[in-house]
């Protein structure tokens, strides 16, 4: 059997409203860069191996309007979740990690992140039902200004923040007003 694409040795730290947890054994699958077909096969392998699975969703370098965002993310979800049943969905953590957030920060981006999480949750509810969708962990994994941190983490659809070990964390994003 082939190894799961995207296996990482670096620890991930997830911050929630109340605490933080660090994980080191997991599979990391980026749907946009792998394509939904390859991502679907990688997801199947990770679930079969009973590994903690982080699925990264990203709409690219453009800040999409909500309707365009839903269309892009739905295309990613459709291919990757064809092998994921409601019974195995608890092994999946979704990470929303927009490429555009790594370029610069705009004042409305915290609201954009919150809307994106709600749309992801809504799309999951259509596929697995409302109860299962509420049990799926959805994290924000992109850069976040400290001033927007509480607004994002306190949203009902954001289950936590992922400290990204794959990128530089000491650089401040440019803020455009």
Protein backbone atom coordinates (compact mmCIF):
# COMPACT_ATOMS: atom_id res chain seq x y z
CA UNK A 1 0.00 0.00 0.00
CA UNK A 2 1.26 3.49 -0.85
CA UNK A 3 1.96 5.90 1.98
CA UNK A 4 -0.60 8.58 2.65
CA UNK A 5 0.17 11.73 0.72
CA UNK A 6 1.06 14.65 2.93
CA UNK A 7 2.29 12.76 6.00
CA UNK A 8 4.04 15.27 8.25
CA UNK A 9 6.47 14.76 11.10
CA UNK A 10 6.11 18.30 12.44
CA UNK A 11 3.85 18.72 15.44
CA UNK A 12 0.63 20.71 15.01
CA UNK A 13 -0.70 22.91 17.80
CA UNK A 14 -4.44 23.55 17.93
CA UNK A 15 -5.72 26.38 20.11
CA UNK A 16 -9.33 26.47 21.24
CA UNK A 17 -11.14 28.95 23.46
CA UNK A 18 -10.05 27.05 26.57
CA UNK A 19 -6.78 25.24 25.88
CA UNK A 20 -4.27 23.96 23.32
CA UNK A 21 -3.28 20.49 22.15
CA UNK A 22 -0.28 19.31 20.13
CA UNK A 23 -0.45 16.38 17.71
CA UNK A 24 2.44 14.63 15.98
CA UNK A 25 0.90 11.60 14.24
CA UNK A 26 -1.47 12.65 11.49
CA UNK A 27 -2.03 12.80 7.75
CA UNK A 28 -2.19 16.22 6.06
CA UNK A 29 -4.00 16.38 2.74
CA UNK A 30 -4.26 19.56 0.68
CA UNK A 31 -7.21 19.19 -1.65
CA UNK A 32 -6.53 22.13 -3.94
CA UNK A 33 -2.94 21.19 -4.73
CA UNK A 34 -3.58 17.41 -4.93
CA UNK A 35 -6.86 17.59 -6.82
CA UNK A 36 -10.00 16.02 -5.47
CA UNK A 37 -9.39 12.60 -7.07
CA UNK A 38 -5.92 12.11 -5.56
CA UNK A 39 -7.08 13.69 -2.31
CA UNK A 40 -10.01 11.25 -2.19
CA UNK A 41 -7.65 8.27 -2.52
CA UNK A 42 -5.28 9.70 0.12
CA UNK A 43 -8.21 10.26 2.46
CA UNK A 44 -9.36 6.69 1.97
CA UNK A 45 -5.86 5.37 2.80
CA UNK A 46 -5.64 7.53 5.93
CA UNK A 47 -9.07 6.44 7.15
CA UNK A 48 -8.23 2.79 6.47
CA UNK A 49 -5.02 3.20 8.50
CA UNK A 50 -7.08 4.88 11.28
CA UNK A 51 -4.87 7.96 11.26
CA UNK A 52 -5.94 11.38 12.45
CA UNK A 53 -6.69 13.23 9.24
CA UNK A 54 -6.36 16.94 8.50
CA UNK A 55 -7.97 18.00 5.23
CA UNK A 56 -6.88 21.42 4.06
CA UNK A 57 -9.36 23.51 2.05
CA UNK A 58 -8.21 26.60 0.16
CA UNK A 59 -9.89 28.70 -2.49
CA UNK A 60 -6.59 30.07 -3.80
CA UNK A 61 -5.08 33.52 -3.88
CA UNK A 62 -8.35 35.37 -4.65
CA UNK A 63 -10.80 36.47 -1.98
CA UNK A 64 -13.91 34.88 -3.44
CA UNK A 65 -17.42 36.15 -2.91
CA UNK A 66 -19.54 33.74 -0.81
CA UNK A 67 -21.30 32.18 -3.82
CA UNK A 68 -18.03 31.59 -5.70
CA UNK A 69 -16.40 30.30 -2.50
CA UNK A 70 -19.19 27.76 -1.98
CA UNK A 71 -18.82 26.54 -5.59
CA UNK A 72 -15.02 26.13 -5.26
CA UNK A 73 -15.16 24.40 -1.88
CA UNK A 74 -18.08 22.19 -2.95
CA UNK A 75 -15.96 20.95 -5.87
CA UNK A 76 -13.12 20.09 -3.46
CA UNK A 77 -15.46 18.41 -0.96
CA UNK A 78 -17.31 16.36 -3.58
CA UNK A 79 -14.24 14.46 -4.76
CA UNK A 80 -12.52 14.04 -1.46
CA UNK A 81 -15.50 12.87 0.58
CA UNK A 82 -16.83 10.21 -1.76
CA UNK A 83 -15.04 7.61 0.42
CA UNK A 84 -15.90 9.19 3.77
CA UNK A 85 -18.96 7.81 5.50
CA UNK A 86 -20.86 9.40 8.37
CA UNK A 87 -19.36 6.69 10.62
CA UNK A 88 -15.76 7.67 9.78
CA UNK A 89 -16.22 11.43 9.66
CA UNK A 90 -15.09 11.75 13.31
CA UNK A 91 -11.51 10.94 12.15
CA UNK A 92 -11.53 14.02 9.92
CA UNK A 93 -10.52 17.54 10.87
CA UNK A 94 -11.02 20.22 8.25
CA UNK A 95 -8.53 23.07 8.11
CA UNK A 96 -9.53 26.22 6.24
CA UNK A 97 -6.17 27.69 5.20
CA UNK A 98 -6.69 30.38 2.56
CA UNK A 99 -3.73 31.25 0.39
CA UNK A 100 -4.88 34.87 0.11
CA UNK A 101 -4.48 35.38 3.87
CA UNK A 102 -0.76 34.72 3.56
CA UNK A 103 -0.34 37.68 1.20
CA UNK A 104 -1.91 40.58 3.11
CA UNK A 105 -4.64 41.26 5.62
CA UNK A 106 -7.71 43.41 4.93
CA UNK A 107 -10.03 44.79 7.64
CA UNK A 108 -12.97 42.59 6.51
CA UNK A 109 -10.96 39.34 6.52
CA UNK A 110 -12.05 38.19 9.99
CA UNK A 111 -15.67 38.31 8.85
CA UNK A 112 -14.71 36.56 5.58
CA UNK A 113 -13.10 33.73 7.59
CA UNK A 114 -16.20 33.35 9.76
CA UNK A 115 -18.48 33.22 6.69
CA UNK A 116 -16.20 30.64 5.04
CA UNK A 117 -16.40 28.39 8.12
CA UNK A 118 -20.20 28.67 8.16
CA UNK A 119 -20.35 27.78 4.46
CA UNK A 120 -18.09 24.75 4.95
CA UNK A 121 -20.28 23.58 7.85
CA UNK A 122 -23.43 24.10 5.74
CA UNK A 123 -21.98 22.08 2.84
CA UNK A 124 -21.06 19.27 5.26
CA UNK A 125 -24.59 19.37 6.72
CA UNK A 126 -26.03 18.87 3.23
CA UNK A 127 -23.89 15.76 2.79
CA UNK A 128 -23.91 14.21 6.29
CA UNK A 129 -26.80 15.89 8.11
CA UNK A 130 -26.79 18.68 10.67
CA UNK A 131 -25.84 16.52 13.66
CA UNK A 132 -22.80 14.98 11.96
CA UNK A 133 -21.74 18.37 10.53
CA UNK A 134 -21.71 19.88 14.04
CA UNK A 135 -19.36 17.09 15.18
CA UNK A 136 -16.80 17.72 12.43
CA UNK A 137 -13.93 19.85 13.68
CA UNK A 138 -13.23 22.85 11.45
CA UNK A 139 -10.08 24.83 12.23
CA UNK A 140 -8.71 28.05 10.82
CA UNK A 141 -5.12 27.48 9.72
CA UNK A 142 -4.09 30.74 8.10
CA UNK A 143 -2.42 33.86 9.45
CA UNK A 144 -4.50 35.87 11.86
CA UNK A 145 -3.88 39.26 13.37
CA UNK A 146 -4.09 39.34 17.15
CA UNK A 147 -6.83 41.97 16.92
CA UNK A 148 -9.04 39.53 14.96
CA UNK A 149 -8.20 36.42 16.97
CA UNK A 150 -11.08 36.63 19.48
CA UNK A 151 -13.61 37.48 16.80
CA UNK A 152 -12.66 34.38 14.81
CA UNK A 153 -12.18 31.88 17.65
CA UNK A 154 -15.46 32.88 19.31
CA UNK A 155 -17.49 32.09 16.17
CA UNK A 156 -19.73 29.03 16.57
CA UNK A 157 -18.40 27.47 13.33
CA UNK A 158 -14.70 27.89 14.16
CA UNK A 159 -13.60 25.05 16.43
CA UNK A 160 -10.04 26.28 16.90
CA UNK A 161 -6.95 27.84 15.41
CA UNK A 162 -4.09 25.84 13.96
CA UNK A 163 -0.56 27.11 14.50
CA UNK A 164 1.07 26.45 11.15
CA UNK A 165 4.48 24.75 11.48
CA UNK A 166 4.90 24.66 7.69
CA UNK A 167 5.33 28.41 7.25
CA UNK A 168 7.17 31.29 8.82
CA UNK A 169 5.26 32.40 11.89
CA UNK A 170 7.39 35.36 12.95
CA UNK A 171 6.51 37.58 10.00
CA UNK A 172 3.63 39.99 10.44
CA UNK A 173 1.19 40.21 7.57
CA UNK A 174 0.83 43.54 5.89
CA UNK A 175 -2.39 45.24 6.91
CA UNK A 176 -4.14 47.29 4.23
CA UNK A 177 -6.73 49.86 5.18
